[in-house]
Amino acid sequence: MSLSLVAYDDSDSETETENTEVPNTSSKQTGQPSSSVNCVQYFAPGSLGTKSTYEMQPAENTDCSGTSTACEDASEHYVQNNNADLTSPYCKRAYSGHTALCMSYKNYEQASSSSTNSGNGVSHKRIHKDSSTAVKGIRPYIPKRLRQENSSMPEKKECDQRENSDCDVKLGISGEQNLRKISEFIKPYLGSKYKLTEVPKSLIFCMSKHSGPVNEIQWCPVWEQSHMLLSASMDKTVKVWDAVDTGCCLKTYSCHSCAVRAAQWSSCGRRILSGGFDSMLHLTDVETGKGKQIFSSKNEFRISALKFLPTDSNIFICGGFSPEVKSWDIRMSKVLRVYKAAVQQTLDMLFLPEGKEFLTSTDAVSRDSADRTIIAWDFQSAAKISNQIFHERYTCPSLTLHPKESVFVAQTNGNYMALFSAQRPYRINKKKRYEGHKVEGFAVGCEFSPDGTLLVTGSSDGKVFFYNYHTARIIRTLSAHKEACVSAIFHPVLPSLLATCDWAGEVKIWQ
């Protein structure tokens, strides 16, 4: 007695099925194209602009009647279960399993038929033999345990290469060619030492593609590609600009369903990490636009601040409308540590040199707010190092680190910037206070020049203020915007090149 482990597509007898396997292959090839299965097509992280295509050829081509082979049906079954792109090792593992099942059934069928003809009625064990042909028109039976293992095991490993979010990408004018070029303005400065920073005077580009306020801007950290400028806006988009040569928008990423509050380049300059008020984090490939969704709206807070670990771009911290700050590992897609404080919102975060400690600024303003305004954390142990840093009743919407000295600056809602030591116990410098600009509740950012001689900040009245770092005096004021200027940053390579953004959605480049 033979047991049927498969479902036949038609009701033909075994003799007809075997006879249909023999037709001339040349006539098949001329009658229809090859039915190769393209499993994955993506840009490999290690090579820029190079497509890696993994293709699997089924053992049999599809016949003219449209009947699919076993391997094709199995691939569709796996795609429906996983809802994710499959990388090459996963495809190889899945297809080899289906082929083995097809072969095992064929051997089992031959053994059972021979035992039936002999009349002994004894069922033989399955004999597994390597073969390159598959039974045509047969859909193999896949055990439940195998389906569960293959549907749960591959997603958690190398997930940044397999899963893609629903990220709508729009290319700008000649965006694909300008992403990886080296600007002719930047080339002469790559091998030389950074020159003295001067205050910019003239406007070069005015870029107004955003339909909402711009929350953050950042130059690409890779010097060869530092012509690219990143901007995150309240219009739910993240844009990449050619802010050195043309001033045009290279790409627009619409991965979020709500306002994008924070965005950061990875250290390699190939990925963008963004977080918004939809409680989502997206890691987006700059070239392809394919994004990996790190976590969903099950998290209980909206994202307002992101920072990569300086020593490892696979680890980052995020904070927002919650008393918790979380550190994430992109490779495992899980939370490493949770840093809890008795606050309601994290405004900004800053890693200190070497990345072993970091600071968080919060919205705690009360009679005893001295222990919650700025908090220093140990990254590894998640313990509070110090909570007695800033003793005044003002929140600090932004923090920035000096590029050469062990000090940092905190922007306060008291319309001034305070200077602190980056070494324990993080004492405030009472002799220096950078004041003259206005904050008035906006998340106004501040930044040092690459040589550390100037401190630049925006203002709620649309102006940009340049301070001398050593004397704390105002060097110059630039009337840059009509609305509140929330960010101003210097270019890392080109001296005196400045990018600013405002609450009206404009991004401007000055020199």
Protein backbone atom coordinates (compact mmCIF):
# COMPACT_ATOMS: atom_id res chain seq x y z
CA MET A 1 0.00 0.00 0.00
CA SER A 2 1.43 3.39 -0.99
CA LEU A 3 0.63 6.63 0.79
CA SER A 4 0.11 9.85 -1.21
CA LEU A 5 2.15 12.71 0.24
CA VAL A 6 1.54 15.20 -2.58
CA ALA A 7 -1.33 16.83 -4.46
CA TYR A 8 -1.44 16.36 -8.23
CA ASP A 9 -2.35 19.30 -10.44
CA ASP A 10 -4.27 17.08 -12.85
CA SER A 11 -5.95 13.68 -12.68
CA ASP A 12 -3.73 11.94 -15.24
CA SER A 13 -2.32 8.57 -14.46
CA GLU A 14 1.31 7.96 -13.55
CA THR A 15 1.96 6.61 -17.03
CA GLU A 16 0.75 9.83 -18.64
CA THR A 17 2.79 11.90 -16.24
CA GLU A 18 5.93 9.98 -17.04
CA ASN A 19 5.25 10.25 -20.76
CA THR A 20 4.90 14.00 -20.58
CA GLU A 21 8.42 14.37 -19.21
CA VAL A 22 10.08 13.28 -22.41
CA PRO A 23 9.12 16.01 -24.97
CA ASN A 24 11.84 17.68 -26.97
CA THR A 25 13.52 20.45 -25.01
CA SER A 26 14.44 22.40 -28.13
CA SER A 27 10.79 22.95 -29.02
CA LYS A 28 10.13 24.23 -25.48
CA GLN A 29 12.95 26.69 -25.60
CA THR A 30 11.78 28.16 -28.89
CA GLY A 31 8.14 28.26 -27.83
CA GLN A 32 8.57 30.29 -24.63
CA PRO A 33 11.21 32.20 -22.65
CA SER A 34 13.13 30.70 -19.77
CA SER A 35 11.29 30.74 -16.45
CA SER A 36 14.18 31.80 -14.25
CA VAL A 37 13.22 33.09 -10.82
CA ASN A 38 14.81 36.40 -9.85
CA CYS A 39 14.92 36.12 -6.07
CA VAL A 40 16.71 39.33 -5.02
CA GLN A 41 18.01 42.40 -6.77
CA TYR A 42 19.65 45.01 -4.57
CA PHE A 43 22.75 47.12 -4.09
CA ALA A 44 25.28 45.32 -1.95
CA PRO A 45 26.46 47.41 1.01
CA GLY A 46 30.07 46.77 0.17
CA SER A 47 30.00 48.04 -3.42
CA LEU A 48 28.62 51.38 -4.55
CA GLY A 49 26.50 51.49 -7.62
CA THR A 50 26.93 47.74 -8.41
CA LYS A 51 23.86 45.57 -8.72
CA SER A 52 24.05 42.07 -7.29
CA THR A 53 21.49 39.71 -8.85
CA TYR A 54 20.87 36.25 -7.53
CA GLU A 55 18.92 34.02 -9.91
CA MET A 56 17.76 30.47 -9.39
CA GLN A 57 16.89 28.23 -12.37
CA PRO A 58 14.13 25.70 -11.70
CA ALA A 59 14.75 22.13 -12.69
CA GLU A 60 11.97 22.19 -15.32
CA ASN A 61 10.63 24.97 -17.54
CA THR A 62 6.95 25.88 -17.47
CA ASP A 63 4.98 24.10 -20.16
CA CYS A 64 2.62 25.77 -22.61
CA SER A 65 -0.45 24.98 -20.51
CA GLY A 66 0.83 27.20 -17.70
CA THR A 67 1.50 24.44 -15.15
CA SER A 68 4.22 25.56 -12.75
CA THR A 69 7.04 23.36 -11.58
CA ALA A 70 7.51 22.32 -7.99
CA CYS A 71 10.27 24.81 -7.26
CA GLU A 72 8.28 27.76 -8.61
CA ASP A 73 5.25 26.92 -6.49
CA ALA A 74 7.46 26.53 -3.48
CA SER A 75 9.03 29.92 -4.04
CA GLU A 76 5.61 31.54 -4.23
CA HIS A 77 4.64 29.77 -1.02
CA TYR A 78 7.69 31.14 0.79
CA VAL A 79 7.18 34.67 -0.51
CA GLN A 80 3.59 34.65 0.72
CA ASN A 81 4.63 33.45 4.16
CA ASN A 82 7.52 35.81 4.64
CA ASN A 83 6.43 39.03 2.89
CA ALA A 84 10.09 39.98 2.65
CA ASP A 85 12.88 39.97 0.09
CA LEU A 86 14.98 36.85 0.14
CA THR A 87 18.75 36.97 -0.03
CA SER A 88 20.80 34.46 -1.91
CA PRO A 89 21.72 32.02 0.91
CA TYR A 90 18.08 31.83 1.94
CA CYS A 91 16.94 31.12 -1.62
CA LYS A 92 19.56 28.41 -2.04
CA ARG A 93 18.52 26.78 1.19
CA ALA A 94 14.81 26.90 0.27
CA TYR A 95 15.23 25.61 -3.28
CA SER A 96 17.56 22.82 -2.31
CA GLY A 97 14.99 21.65 0.22
CA HIS A 98 12.23 21.58 -2.39
CA THR A 99 14.39 19.69 -4.86
CA ALA A 100 15.22 17.14 -2.21
CA LEU A 101 11.50 16.71 -1.48
CA CYS A 102 10.76 16.25 -5.19
CA MET A 103 13.50 13.67 -5.53
CA SER A 104 12.48 11.85 -2.39
CA TYR A 105 8.92 11.53 -3.68
CA LYS A 106 10.09 10.18 -7.03
CA ASN A 107 12.30 7.57 -5.34
CA TYR A 108 9.45 6.74 -2.97
CA GLU A 109 7.04 6.32 -5.91
CA GLN A 110 9.43 3.99 -7.74
CA ALA A 111 10.04 1.94 -4.61
CA SER A 112 6.35 1.65 -3.77
CA SER A 113 5.41 0.70 -7.36
CA SER A 114 8.07 -1.99 -7.47
CA SER A 115 6.92 -3.40 -4.17
CA THR A 116 3.30 -3.43 -5.38
CA ASN A 117 4.24 -5.27 -8.60
CA SER A 118 6.18 -7.87 -6.67
CA GLY A 119 3.11 -8.53 -4.51
CA ASN A 120 4.85 -8.53 -1.15
CA GLY A 121 2.89 -5.44 0.04
CA VAL A 122 5.83 -4.18 2.14
CA SER A 123 6.53 -0.39 1.91
CA HIS A 124 10.20 0.47 1.61
CA LYS A 125 11.97 3.45 3.20
CA ARG A 126 12.65 6.56 1.20
CA ILE A 127 15.94 6.55 -0.64
CA HIS A 128 17.57 10.00 -0.99
CA LYS A 129 19.69 10.31 -4.11
CA ASP A 130 21.18 13.39 -5.71
CA SER A 131 19.53 14.16 -9.00
CA SER A 132 19.15 17.18 -11.23
CA THR A 133 15.60 16.46 -12.50
CA ALA A 134 12.26 17.02 -10.80
CA VAL A 135 8.85 15.45 -11.32
CA LYS A 136 6.79 17.71 -13.51
CA GLY A 137 3.37 18.97 -12.38
CA ILE A 138 3.84 17.90 -8.75
CA ARG A 139 3.57 20.23 -5.79
CA PRO A 140 5.73 18.86 -2.96
CA TYR A 141 4.44 18.47 0.57
CA ILE A 142 6.28 20.77 3.00
CA PRO A 143 6.18 19.70 6.67
CA LYS A 144 4.78 22.21 9.13
CA ARG A 145 7.98 22.27 11.17
CA LEU A 146 10.01 23.15 8.05
CA ARG A 147 7.59 25.93 7.13
CA GLN A 148 7.78 27.44 10.62
CA GLU A 149 11.59 27.28 10.76
CA ASN A 150 12.07 28.86 7.34
CA SER A 151 9.53 31.59 8.05
CA SER A 152 11.01 32.65 11.41
CA MET A 153 14.73 31.96 11.21
CA PRO A 154 16.10 34.13 8.36
CA GLU A 155 14.39 37.43 9.11
CA LYS A 156 16.30 38.24 12.28
CA LYS A 157 19.74 37.70 10.75
CA GLU A 158 21.08 40.19 8.23
CA CYS A 159 17.70 41.88 8.30
CA ASP A 160 19.05 45.16 6.97
CA GLN A 161 19.68 43.42 3.63
CA ARG A 162 16.42 41.45 3.39
CA GLU A 163 13.48 43.53 4.53
CA ASN A 164 12.35 46.70 2.83
CA SER A 165 9.94 49.28 4.10
CA ASP A 166 7.35 51.03 1.99
CA CYS A 167 9.62 53.95 1.25
CA ASP A 168 8.58 56.15 -1.65
CA VAL A 169 11.69 57.53 -3.34
CA LYS A 170 11.63 60.39 -5.83
CA LEU A 171 14.68 61.22 -7.87
CA GLY A 172 15.62 64.79 -8.57
CA ILE A 173 17.32 66.08 -11.69
CA SER A 174 20.35 63.86 -12.45
CA GLY A 175 20.13 62.58 -8.90
CA GLU A 176 21.58 59.14 -9.58
CA GLN A 177 24.78 60.54 -11.11
CA ASN A 178 25.35 63.18 -8.46
CA LEU A 179 25.07 60.92 -5.43
CA ARG A 180 28.55 59.40 -5.65
CA LYS A 181 30.47 62.03 -7.53
CA ILE A 182 33.32 64.07 -6.03
CA SER A 183 32.72 67.78 -6.38
CA GLU A 184 35.35 69.80 -8.19
CA PHE A 185 35.13 72.39 -5.41
CA ILE A 186 35.95 69.78 -2.75
CA LYS A 187 38.83 67.99 -4.51
CA PRO A 188 41.50 70.68 -3.86
CA TYR A 189 40.76 70.60 -0.10
CA LEU A 190 40.82 66.84 0.46
CA GLY A 191 44.58 66.51 0.86
CA SER A 192 45.19 69.81 2.64
CA LYS A 193 44.71 71.01 6.19
CA TYR A 194 41.55 72.89 7.07
CA LYS A 195 42.05 76.63 6.79
CA LEU A 196 40.85 79.33 9.13
CA THR A 197 37.07 79.76 9.18
CA GLU A 198 35.70 83.10 8.07
CA VAL A 199 32.20 84.45 8.47
CA PRO A 200 30.13 83.83 5.30
CA LYS A 201 28.57 86.87 3.66
CA SER A 202 26.88 86.00 0.35
CA LEU A 203 23.99 83.67 -0.47
CA ILE A 204 24.76 80.88 -2.97
CA PHE A 205 21.64 78.67 -3.05
CA CYS A 206 18.10 78.99 -1.73
CA MET A 207 16.40 75.59 -1.72
CA SER A 208 12.71 75.62 -0.91
CA LYS A 209 11.35 72.20 -1.87
CA HIS A 210 10.04 71.40 1.61
CA SER A 211 6.40 72.20 2.29
CA GLY A 212 6.86 72.27 6.07
CA PRO A 213 9.37 73.45 8.68
CA VAL A 214 12.85 71.93 8.45
CA ASN A 215 13.87 70.37 11.77
CA GLU A 216 17.43 69.29 11.08
CA ILE A 217 20.19 69.50 8.47
CA GLN A 218 23.52 67.63 8.30
CA TRP A 219 26.42 67.41 5.86
CA CYS A 220 27.53 63.96 4.73
CA PRO A 221 30.38 62.85 7.06
CA VAL A 222 32.38 61.27 4.20
CA TRP A 223 34.53 64.09 2.90
CA GLU A 224 34.56 62.86 -0.71
CA GLN A 225 30.74 62.97 -0.76
CA SER A 226 30.33 65.99 1.50
CA HIS A 227 28.56 67.89 -1.29
CA MET A 228 25.40 66.10 -0.10
CA LEU A 229 23.25 67.78 2.55
CA LEU A 230 20.55 65.95 4.49
CA SER A 231 17.37 67.68 5.64
CA ALA A 232 14.46 66.37 7.75
CA SER A 233 11.16 68.20 7.67
CA MET A 234 7.71 68.34 9.23
CA ASP A 235 6.27 67.54 5.76
CA LYS A 236 7.00 63.81 6.43
CA THR A 237 9.98 63.70 4.06
CA VAL A 238 13.76 63.43 4.17
CA LYS A 239 15.67 65.06 1.31
CA VAL A 240 19.26 64.84 0.06
CA TRP A 241 20.61 67.93 -1.71
CA ASP A 242 23.60 68.74 -3.87
CA ALA A 243 24.38 71.82 -1.79
CA VAL A 244 27.82 72.60 -3.29
CA ASP A 245 27.54 72.43 -7.08
CA THR A 246 23.93 72.81 -8.23
CA GLY A 247 21.69 73.33 -5.21
CA CYS A 248 19.17 70.81 -6.58
CA CYS A 249 17.36 68.05 -4.69
CA LEU A 250 18.92 64.68 -5.48
CA LYS A 251 16.43 62.39 -3.72
CA THR A 252 13.32 62.56 -1.58
CA TYR A 253 12.45 59.76 0.86
CA SER A 254 8.83 59.49 2.03
CA CYS A 255 9.10 56.69 4.57
CA HIS A 256 7.20 58.31 7.43
CA SER A 257 3.51 58.93 7.93
CA CYS A 258 4.06 61.89 10.28
CA ALA A 259 6.61 64.65 10.76
CA VAL A 260 10.28 63.64 10.65
CA ARG A 261 11.90 65.11 13.74
CA ALA A 262 15.46 63.73 13.50
CA ALA A 263 17.73 62.27 10.82
CA GLN A 264 21.37 61.19 10.84
CA TRP A 265 23.94 60.04 8.31
CA SER A 266 25.77 56.82 9.08
CA SER A 267 29.55 57.10 9.29
CA CYS A 268 29.94 55.38 5.88
CA GLY A 269 27.63 57.89 4.19
CA ARG A 270 25.53 55.16 2.58
CA ARG A 271 22.57 55.07 4.95
CA ILE A 272 20.24 57.54 6.62
CA LEU A 273 18.58 56.87 9.95
CA SER A 274 15.39 58.86 10.47
CA GLY A 275 12.81 59.03 13.24
CA GLY A 276 9.56 60.90 13.51
CA PHE A 277 6.33 61.55 15.30
CA ASP A 278 4.85 58.33 13.89
CA SER A 279 7.00 56.41 16.44
CA MET A 280 8.91 54.80 13.58
CA LEU A 281 12.59 54.50 12.79
CA HIS A 282 13.76 53.86 9.24
CA LEU A 283 17.24 52.98 8.07
CA THR A 284 17.31 53.94 4.39
CA ASP A 285 19.86 53.11 1.72
CA VAL A 286 20.82 56.38 0.03
CA GLU A 287 21.24 54.94 -3.47
CA THR A 288 18.34 52.49 -3.75
CA GLY A 289 15.95 54.07 -1.27
CA LYS A 290 15.17 50.65 0.21
CA GLY A 291 14.66 51.07 3.94
CA LYS A 292 14.72 48.70 6.84
CA GLN A 293 12.06 49.37 9.43
CA ILE A 294 13.78 49.07 12.81
CA PHE A 295 10.70 49.18 15.01
CA SER A 296 7.03 49.87 14.60
CA SER A 297 4.42 51.97 16.37
CA LYS A 298 4.25 49.46 19.23
CA ASN A 299 6.84 51.66 20.90
CA GLU A 300 5.23 54.03 23.30
CA PHE A 301 6.85 57.30 22.33
CA ARG A 302 7.45 59.57 19.38
CA ILE A 303 11.05 60.07 18.26
CA SER A 304 12.67 63.47 18.69
CA ALA A 305 16.42 62.74 18.89
CA LEU A 306 18.85 60.25 17.29
CA LYS A 307 22.60 59.72 17.62
CA PHE A 308 24.94 57.06 16.25
CA LEU A 309 27.61 55.61 18.51
CA PRO A 310 30.89 57.27 17.39
CA THR A 311 32.84 54.01 17.47
CA ASP A 312 30.21 51.75 15.87
CA SER A 313 27.67 52.88 13.26
CA ASN A 314 25.58 49.74 13.86
CA ILE A 315 24.52 51.06 17.27
CA PHE A 316 22.50 54.20 17.96
CA ILE A 317 20.46 55.77 20.72
CA CYS A 318 17.03 57.32 20.37
CA GLY A 319 14.86 59.41 22.64
CA GLY A 320 11.61 61.27 22.47
CA PHE A 321 8.34 61.79 24.29
CA SER A 322 9.14 59.27 27.00
CA PRO A 323 11.23 59.04 30.18
CA GLU A 324 13.28 56.33 28.46
CA VAL A 325 16.24 56.49 26.10
CA LYS A 326 16.95 53.30 24.16
CA SER A 327 20.08 52.02 22.51
CA TRP A 328 19.51 49.83 19.44
CA ASP A 329 21.65 47.39 17.49
CA ILE A 330 20.79 47.48 13.79
CA ARG A 331 22.29 44.06 13.09
CA MET A 332 20.05 42.24 15.59
CA SER A 333 17.17 44.73 15.36
CA LYS A 334 16.65 44.80 19.09
CA VAL A 335 17.09 47.07 22.10
CA LEU A 336 20.42 46.72 23.89
CA ARG A 337 19.84 48.95 26.91
CA VAL A 338 17.22 51.26 28.36
CA TYR A 339 18.13 54.46 30.21
CA LYS A 340 15.33 55.66 32.50
CA ALA A 341 14.92 59.06 34.12
CA ALA A 342 12.06 60.86 35.84
CA VAL A 343 11.32 63.15 32.89
CA GLN A 344 8.66 63.46 30.22
CA GLN A 345 10.67 64.16 27.08
CA THR A 346 14.24 63.98 25.79
CA LEU A 347 15.11 67.06 23.75
CA ASP A 348 18.62 66.25 22.55
CA MET A 349 21.48 63.80 23.08
CA LEU A 350 25.25 64.09 22.75
CA PHE A 351 28.02 61.49 22.85
CA LEU A 352 31.15 62.60 24.64
CA PRO A 353 34.62 61.72 23.24
CA GLU A 354 35.27 57.97 22.78
CA GLY A 355 31.56 57.20 23.08
CA LYS A 356 31.71 55.73 26.59
CA GLU A 357 29.44 58.43 28.03
CA PHE A 358 26.62 60.52 26.64
CA LEU A 359 24.43 63.41 27.73
CA THR A 360 20.69 63.92 27.51
CA SER A 361 18.79 67.19 27.84
CA THR A 362 15.20 67.01 29.05
CA ASP A 363 12.13 69.21 29.38
CA ALA A 364 12.12 69.09 33.19
CA VAL A 365 11.54 72.59 34.56
CA SER A 366 10.49 72.81 38.19
CA ARG A 367 11.77 73.87 41.56
CA ASP A 368 14.10 70.87 41.77
CA SER A 369 14.95 70.68 38.06
CA ALA A 370 18.69 70.79 38.76
CA ASP A 371 18.85 67.01 38.83
CA ARG A 372 17.01 66.44 35.53
CA THR A 373 17.82 69.18 33.01
CA ILE A 374 21.08 67.62 31.73
CA ILE A 375 21.96 64.04 32.69
CA ALA A 376 25.24 62.21 32.04
CA TRP A 377 24.98 58.45 31.41
CA ASP A 378 27.40 55.57 31.22
CA PHE A 379 26.67 53.89 27.90
CA GLN A 380 27.63 50.33 28.89
CA SER A 381 26.03 50.08 32.32
CA ALA A 382 23.08 52.48 31.74
CA ALA A 383 23.87 54.14 35.08
CA LYS A 384 23.58 57.84 35.80
CA ILE A 385 27.00 59.43 36.19
CA SER A 386 25.82 62.91 37.10
CA ASN A 387 22.52 64.71 37.34
CA GLN A 388 23.79 67.95 38.91
CA ILE A 389 25.13 69.64 35.78
CA PHE A 390 22.85 72.55 34.92
CA HIS A 391 21.29 74.36 37.89
CA GLU A 392 19.19 77.01 36.14
CA ARG A 393 15.52 76.73 35.34
CA TYR A 394 15.83 76.65 31.55
CA THR A 395 15.47 73.73 29.18
CA CYS A 396 18.28 72.99 26.70
CA PRO A 397 16.93 72.17 23.21
CA SER A 398 20.34 71.33 21.74
CA LEU A 399 23.87 70.24 22.73
CA THR A 400 27.11 70.38 20.72
CA LEU A 401 30.69 69.23 21.33
CA HIS A 402 33.85 71.21 20.64
CA PRO A 403 35.91 69.57 17.85
CA LYS A 404 39.28 69.95 19.64
CA GLU A 405 38.81 70.80 23.30
CA SER A 406 37.06 68.74 25.95
CA VAL A 407 34.08 71.07 26.37
CA PHE A 408 30.49 71.18 25.17
CA VAL A 409 27.87 73.91 24.76
CA ALA A 410 24.20 73.76 25.70
CA GLN A 411 21.64 75.97 23.99
CA THR A 412 19.14 77.21 26.58
CA ASN A 413 15.69 78.76 26.42
CA GLY A 414 17.11 81.62 28.47
CA ASN A 415 18.40 83.13 25.18
CA TYR A 416 22.02 82.21 25.84
CA MET A 417 24.46 79.31 25.41
CA ALA A 418 26.29 77.84 28.41
CA LEU A 419 29.75 76.26 28.29
CA PHE A 420 30.50 73.06 30.24
CA SER A 421 33.48 70.78 30.76
CA ALA A 422 33.23 67.38 29.06
CA GLN A 423 35.15 65.80 31.94
CA ARG A 424 33.61 64.78 35.23
CA PRO A 425 31.98 66.44 37.12
CA TYR A 426 30.96 68.49 34.03
CA ARG A 427 31.23 71.89 35.64
CA ILE A 428 29.77 74.96 34.00
CA ASN A 429 32.08 77.78 32.94
CA LYS A 430 30.58 80.82 34.66
CA LYS A 431 32.99 83.23 32.96
CA LYS A 432 31.69 82.56 29.46
CA ARG A 433 28.12 83.00 28.32
CA TYR A 434 27.15 83.38 24.67
CA GLU A 435 24.07 85.61 24.61
CA GLY A 436 22.40 88.01 22.20
CA HIS A 437 20.26 85.67 20.08
CA LYS A 438 16.69 84.53 20.79
CA VAL A 439 15.37 81.01 21.28
CA GLU A 440 11.83 81.57 22.55
CA GLY A 441 10.72 77.95 22.59
CA PHE A 442 12.10 76.87 19.20
CA ALA A 443 14.50 73.93 18.95
CA VAL A 444 17.33 76.22 17.85
CA GLY A 445 20.57 74.36 17.22
CA CYS A 446 24.16 75.49 17.70
CA GLU A 447 27.42 74.30 16.14
CA PHE A 448 31.19 74.87 16.28
CA SER A 449 33.25 75.56 13.19
CA PRO A 450 35.60 72.70 12.20
CA ASP A 451 38.63 74.56 13.60
CA GLY A 452 36.77 75.40 16.82
CA THR A 453 37.25 79.17 16.60
CA LEU A 454 33.63 80.13 15.90
CA LEU A 455 30.32 79.20 17.50
CA VAL A 456 27.28 79.66 15.28
CA THR A 457 23.62 79.54 16.24
CA GLY A 458 20.26 80.35 14.75
CA SER A 459 17.67 82.63 16.26
CA SER A 460 13.90 82.83 16.51
CA ASP A 461 13.92 86.11 14.58
CA GLY A 462 15.53 84.48 11.52
CA LYS A 463 19.08 85.72 12.11
CA VAL A 464 22.32 83.77 12.40
CA PHE A 465 24.77 84.78 15.14
CA PHE A 466 28.53 84.15 14.98
CA TYR A 467 30.37 84.13 18.32
CA ASN A 468 34.07 84.09 19.03
CA TYR A 469 34.61 80.92 21.05
CA HIS A 470 37.40 82.34 23.22
CA THR A 471 35.94 85.78 23.97
CA ALA A 472 32.20 84.93 23.75
CA ARG A 473 31.62 88.12 21.77
CA ILE A 474 29.37 88.47 18.73
CA ILE A 475 31.50 88.76 15.59
CA ARG A 476 28.71 89.21 13.05
CA THR A 477 24.97 88.83 12.62
CA LEU A 478 23.51 87.52 9.36
CA SER A 479 19.90 88.22 8.42
CA ALA A 480 19.31 84.85 6.81
CA HIS A 481 15.59 84.04 7.03
CA LYS A 482 12.22 85.62 7.56
CA GLU A 483 11.04 82.83 9.89
CA ALA A 484 12.85 81.29 12.85
CA CYS A 485 16.27 79.89 11.90
CA VAL A 486 16.52 76.56 13.74
CA SER A 487 19.88 75.24 12.51
CA ALA A 488 23.19 76.50 11.10
CA ILE A 489 26.16 74.20 10.38
CA PHE A 490 29.58 74.66 8.77
CA HIS A 491 30.85 72.42 5.97
CA PRO A 492 33.46 69.91 7.23
CA VAL A 493 35.90 70.50 4.34
CA LEU A 494 35.19 73.79 2.57
CA PRO A 495 36.12 76.80 4.73
CA SER A 496 33.38 79.32 5.47
CA LEU A 497 30.62 77.36 3.71
CA LEU A 498 27.47 77.45 5.86
CA ALA A 499 24.06 75.77 5.60
CA THR A 500 21.00 77.17 7.38
CA CYS A 501 17.33 76.16 7.58
CA ASP A 502 14.22 77.81 8.94
CA TRP A 503 10.67 77.19 10.12
CA ALA A 504 9.24 78.08 6.70
CA GLY A 505 10.87 75.08 4.96
CA GLU A 506 13.80 76.87 3.29
CA VAL A 507 17.39 75.63 3.22
CA LYS A 508 20.07 78.16 2.28
CA ILE A 509 23.80 77.89 1.52
CA TRP A 510 26.11 80.80 2.38
CA GLN A 511 29.77 81.61 1.68
